[in-house]
Amino acid sequence: MKKNNLKNYEVDKNSHRGVRYVGVYYTSDMSTEERRKSGILGMIAGLAEILLIIMAAAVNCIGTRTIYVIIPLECILFCALYYVIGAYIFFRSADKMEQKAYEKSVENPVQITLVAVILNIVSCIGQIILIVRKAASFAGYGDYVLLAMLLLLLMLHLAMHKYQQKLYSRTYPVKQDK
């Protein structure tokens, strides 16, 4: 258990776990059904993002062999995996989430999608620079397909970030019943 989460627990000899949660709970103004649909939508969006990244990396062109295009794209893959994990935690969460579940399922995905947007912009700029620099000699059809896939991925990231911000605004702390 992380040290910053230790303050949310206290020893309870009557509990089967030996500890009892005493921290702040978080809840959403969504119904259970809405929250589950939101979690499923998040997992589908994350898996679509992973599929699109793999497809973009599989395009046979100069861009997929250029470090300033492919490294940001591959880093986005880790963001996507973390996003899917967060969506799954949100899908499985109870009406009242503990701080740890809230951070993993609501708070962190907002930051993750923002990082993915920034990395995607870096990759798009790198691909555009590559196309402009190599236009006369090497840039082929595959480089334009990769750029189109990167732009599609950027639109997906922007939509995911906006959705996560909306989800973040609909989740709030509640006082614990003693």
Protein backbone atom coordinates (compact mmCIF):
# COMPACT_ATOMS: atom_id res chain seq x y z
CA MET A 1 0.00 0.00 0.00
CA LYS A 2 1.33 3.46 -0.84
CA LYS A 3 2.38 5.64 2.05
CA ASN A 4 0.08 8.48 0.98
CA ASN A 5 -2.91 6.11 1.29
CA LEU A 6 -1.93 4.80 4.73
CA LYS A 7 -3.56 7.78 6.43
CA ASN A 8 -6.91 6.61 5.04
CA TYR A 9 -6.82 3.35 7.01
CA GLU A 10 -6.74 2.47 10.67
CA VAL A 11 -6.20 -0.82 12.45
CA ASP A 12 -9.41 -2.67 13.24
CA LYS A 13 -9.05 -5.99 15.01
CA ASN A 14 -12.71 -6.86 14.40
CA SER A 15 -12.33 -6.66 10.61
CA HIS A 16 -11.32 -9.71 8.57
CA ARG A 17 -8.79 -7.52 6.72
CA GLY A 18 -7.35 -6.10 9.90
CA VAL A 19 -7.85 -2.50 8.74
CA ARG A 20 -10.80 -0.20 8.22
CA TYR A 21 -11.09 2.61 5.67
CA VAL A 22 -11.56 6.00 7.34
CA GLY A 23 -10.73 8.32 4.43
CA VAL A 24 -12.95 10.35 2.16
CA TYR A 25 -15.37 8.53 -0.13
CA TYR A 26 -16.16 9.77 -3.63
CA THR A 27 -19.43 9.39 -5.43
CA SER A 28 -20.93 10.44 -8.73
CA ASP A 29 -24.28 11.93 -9.58
CA MET A 30 -24.65 9.13 -12.16
CA SER A 31 -26.85 6.13 -11.56
CA THR A 32 -25.22 2.71 -11.31
CA GLU A 33 -26.34 1.88 -14.84
CA GLU A 34 -24.90 5.15 -16.23
CA ARG A 35 -21.62 4.53 -14.42
CA ARG A 36 -21.37 1.02 -15.82
CA LYS A 37 -22.14 2.28 -19.35
CA SER A 38 -19.50 4.96 -18.88
CA GLY A 39 -16.96 2.34 -17.82
CA ILE A 40 -17.79 0.14 -20.81
CA LEU A 41 -17.56 3.14 -23.14
CA GLY A 42 -14.17 4.02 -21.64
CA MET A 43 -12.89 0.48 -22.10
CA ILE A 44 -14.13 0.38 -25.71
CA ALA A 45 -12.51 3.76 -26.46
CA GLY A 46 -9.25 2.63 -24.85
CA LEU A 47 -9.21 -0.65 -26.77
CA ALA A 48 -10.01 1.20 -30.02
CA GLU A 49 -7.10 3.50 -29.23
CA ILE A 50 -4.77 0.53 -28.69
CA LEU A 51 -5.93 -1.05 -31.96
CA LEU A 52 -5.38 2.22 -33.84
CA ILE A 53 -1.89 2.59 -32.36
CA ILE A 54 -0.96 -0.95 -33.40
CA MET A 55 -2.34 -0.36 -36.89
CA ALA A 56 -0.44 2.93 -37.19
CA ALA A 57 2.79 1.30 -36.03
CA ALA A 58 2.29 -1.50 -38.58
CA VAL A 59 2.20 0.87 -41.57
CA ASN A 60 5.30 0.26 -43.66
CA CYS A 61 6.70 3.73 -44.19
CA ILE A 62 9.59 5.98 -43.20
CA GLY A 63 7.61 7.51 -40.34
CA THR A 64 7.40 4.23 -38.46
CA ARG A 65 11.18 3.95 -38.64
CA THR A 66 11.84 7.51 -37.48
CA ILE A 67 12.51 7.94 -33.77
CA TYR A 68 10.74 11.29 -33.31
CA VAL A 69 7.53 9.84 -34.78
CA ILE A 70 7.43 6.32 -33.38
CA ILE A 71 8.67 6.88 -29.80
CA PRO A 72 5.80 9.26 -28.86
CA LEU A 73 3.38 6.88 -30.57
CA GLU A 74 4.63 3.94 -28.54
CA CYS A 75 4.47 5.98 -25.31
CA ILE A 76 0.80 6.63 -26.09
CA LEU A 77 0.31 2.86 -25.95
CA PHE A 78 1.20 2.87 -22.24
CA CYS A 79 -1.23 5.76 -21.70
CA ALA A 80 -3.94 3.74 -23.45
CA LEU A 81 -3.30 0.67 -21.30
CA TYR A 82 -3.48 2.76 -18.15
CA TYR A 83 -6.69 4.38 -19.42
CA VAL A 84 -8.32 0.97 -19.99
CA ILE A 85 -7.34 -0.09 -16.47
CA GLY A 86 -8.91 3.09 -15.08
CA ALA A 87 -12.10 2.55 -17.07
CA TYR A 88 -12.29 -1.02 -15.78
CA ILE A 89 -11.87 0.16 -12.18
CA PHE A 90 -14.62 2.73 -12.74
CA PHE A 91 -16.86 0.03 -14.24
CA ARG A 92 -16.31 -2.22 -11.20
CA SER A 93 -16.52 0.55 -8.58
CA ALA A 94 -19.25 0.77 -5.97
CA ASP A 95 -21.49 3.79 -5.49
CA LYS A 96 -18.99 5.12 -2.97
CA MET A 97 -15.35 4.86 -4.10
CA GLU A 98 -12.38 4.96 -1.81
CA GLN A 99 -9.69 7.52 -2.60
CA LYS A 100 -7.42 4.94 -4.25
CA ALA A 101 -10.14 3.81 -6.68
CA TYR A 102 -11.13 7.44 -7.34
CA GLU A 103 -7.58 8.41 -8.22
CA LYS A 104 -7.11 5.44 -10.55
CA SER A 105 -10.49 5.61 -12.27
CA VAL A 106 -11.40 9.30 -12.41
CA GLU A 107 -8.53 11.62 -11.54
CA ASN A 108 -5.57 9.95 -13.29
CA PRO A 109 -7.30 9.31 -16.66
CA VAL A 110 -7.85 13.07 -17.04
CA GLN A 111 -4.09 13.58 -16.79
CA ILE A 112 -3.33 10.52 -18.91
CA THR A 113 -5.52 11.65 -21.78
CA LEU A 114 -3.85 15.07 -21.68
CA VAL A 115 -0.41 13.44 -21.86
CA ALA A 116 -1.64 11.29 -24.76
CA VAL A 117 -2.85 14.41 -26.60
CA ILE A 118 0.54 16.10 -26.14
CA LEU A 119 2.46 13.00 -27.26
CA ASN A 120 0.15 12.62 -30.26
CA ILE A 121 0.73 16.25 -31.27
CA VAL A 122 4.49 15.67 -31.04
CA SER A 123 4.17 12.58 -33.23
CA CYS A 124 1.97 14.44 -35.77
CA ILE A 125 4.43 17.34 -35.96
CA GLY A 126 7.28 14.86 -36.41
CA GLN A 127 5.41 13.11 -39.23
CA ILE A 128 4.60 16.43 -40.94
CA ILE A 129 8.25 17.49 -40.71
CA LEU A 130 9.27 14.14 -42.14
CA ILE A 131 6.84 14.46 -45.05
CA VAL A 132 7.97 18.02 -45.82
CA ARG A 133 11.67 17.14 -45.60
CA LYS A 134 11.40 13.93 -47.62
CA ALA A 135 8.59 14.96 -49.98
CA ALA A 136 10.73 15.11 -53.07
CA SER A 137 12.55 11.85 -52.56
CA PHE A 138 11.18 9.35 -50.04
CA ALA A 139 7.76 10.24 -48.67
CA GLY A 140 5.31 7.74 -50.06
CA TYR A 141 1.69 6.82 -49.71
CA GLY A 142 2.33 5.09 -46.37
CA ASP A 143 3.56 8.32 -44.77
CA TYR A 144 0.29 10.04 -45.62
CA VAL A 145 -1.70 7.07 -44.29
CA LEU A 146 0.31 7.24 -41.05
CA LEU A 147 -0.37 10.98 -40.75
CA ALA A 148 -4.10 10.39 -41.30
CA MET A 149 -4.09 7.68 -38.61
CA LEU A 150 -2.22 9.98 -36.21
CA LEU A 151 -4.77 12.74 -36.80
CA LEU A 152 -7.63 10.27 -36.24
CA LEU A 153 -5.93 9.16 -33.03
CA LEU A 154 -5.57 12.81 -31.98
CA MET A 155 -9.31 13.38 -32.46
CA LEU A 156 -10.02 10.26 -30.38
CA HIS A 157 -7.70 11.52 -27.63
CA LEU A 158 -9.35 14.94 -27.58
CA ALA A 159 -12.79 13.32 -27.29
CA MET A 160 -11.57 11.01 -24.52
CA HIS A 161 -10.03 13.94 -22.63
CA LYS A 162 -13.24 15.97 -22.87
CA TYR A 163 -15.26 12.97 -21.69
CA GLN A 164 -12.92 12.37 -18.75
CA GLN A 165 -13.18 16.03 -17.72
CA LYS A 166 -16.97 15.69 -17.76
CA LEU A 167 -16.73 12.54 -15.65
CA TYR A 168 -14.33 14.29 -13.25
CA SER A 169 -16.76 17.19 -12.84
CA ARG A 170 -19.61 14.76 -11.98
CA THR A 171 -17.65 13.03 -9.18
CA TYR A 172 -17.36 14.63 -5.76
CA PRO A 173 -16.29 13.75 -2.21
CA VAL A 174 -18.82 12.78 0.45
CA LYS A 175 -18.43 12.59 4.20
CA GLN A 176 -18.04 9.16 5.69
CA ASP A 177 -20.71 7.85 8.04
CA LYS A 178 -19.28 7.04 11.45
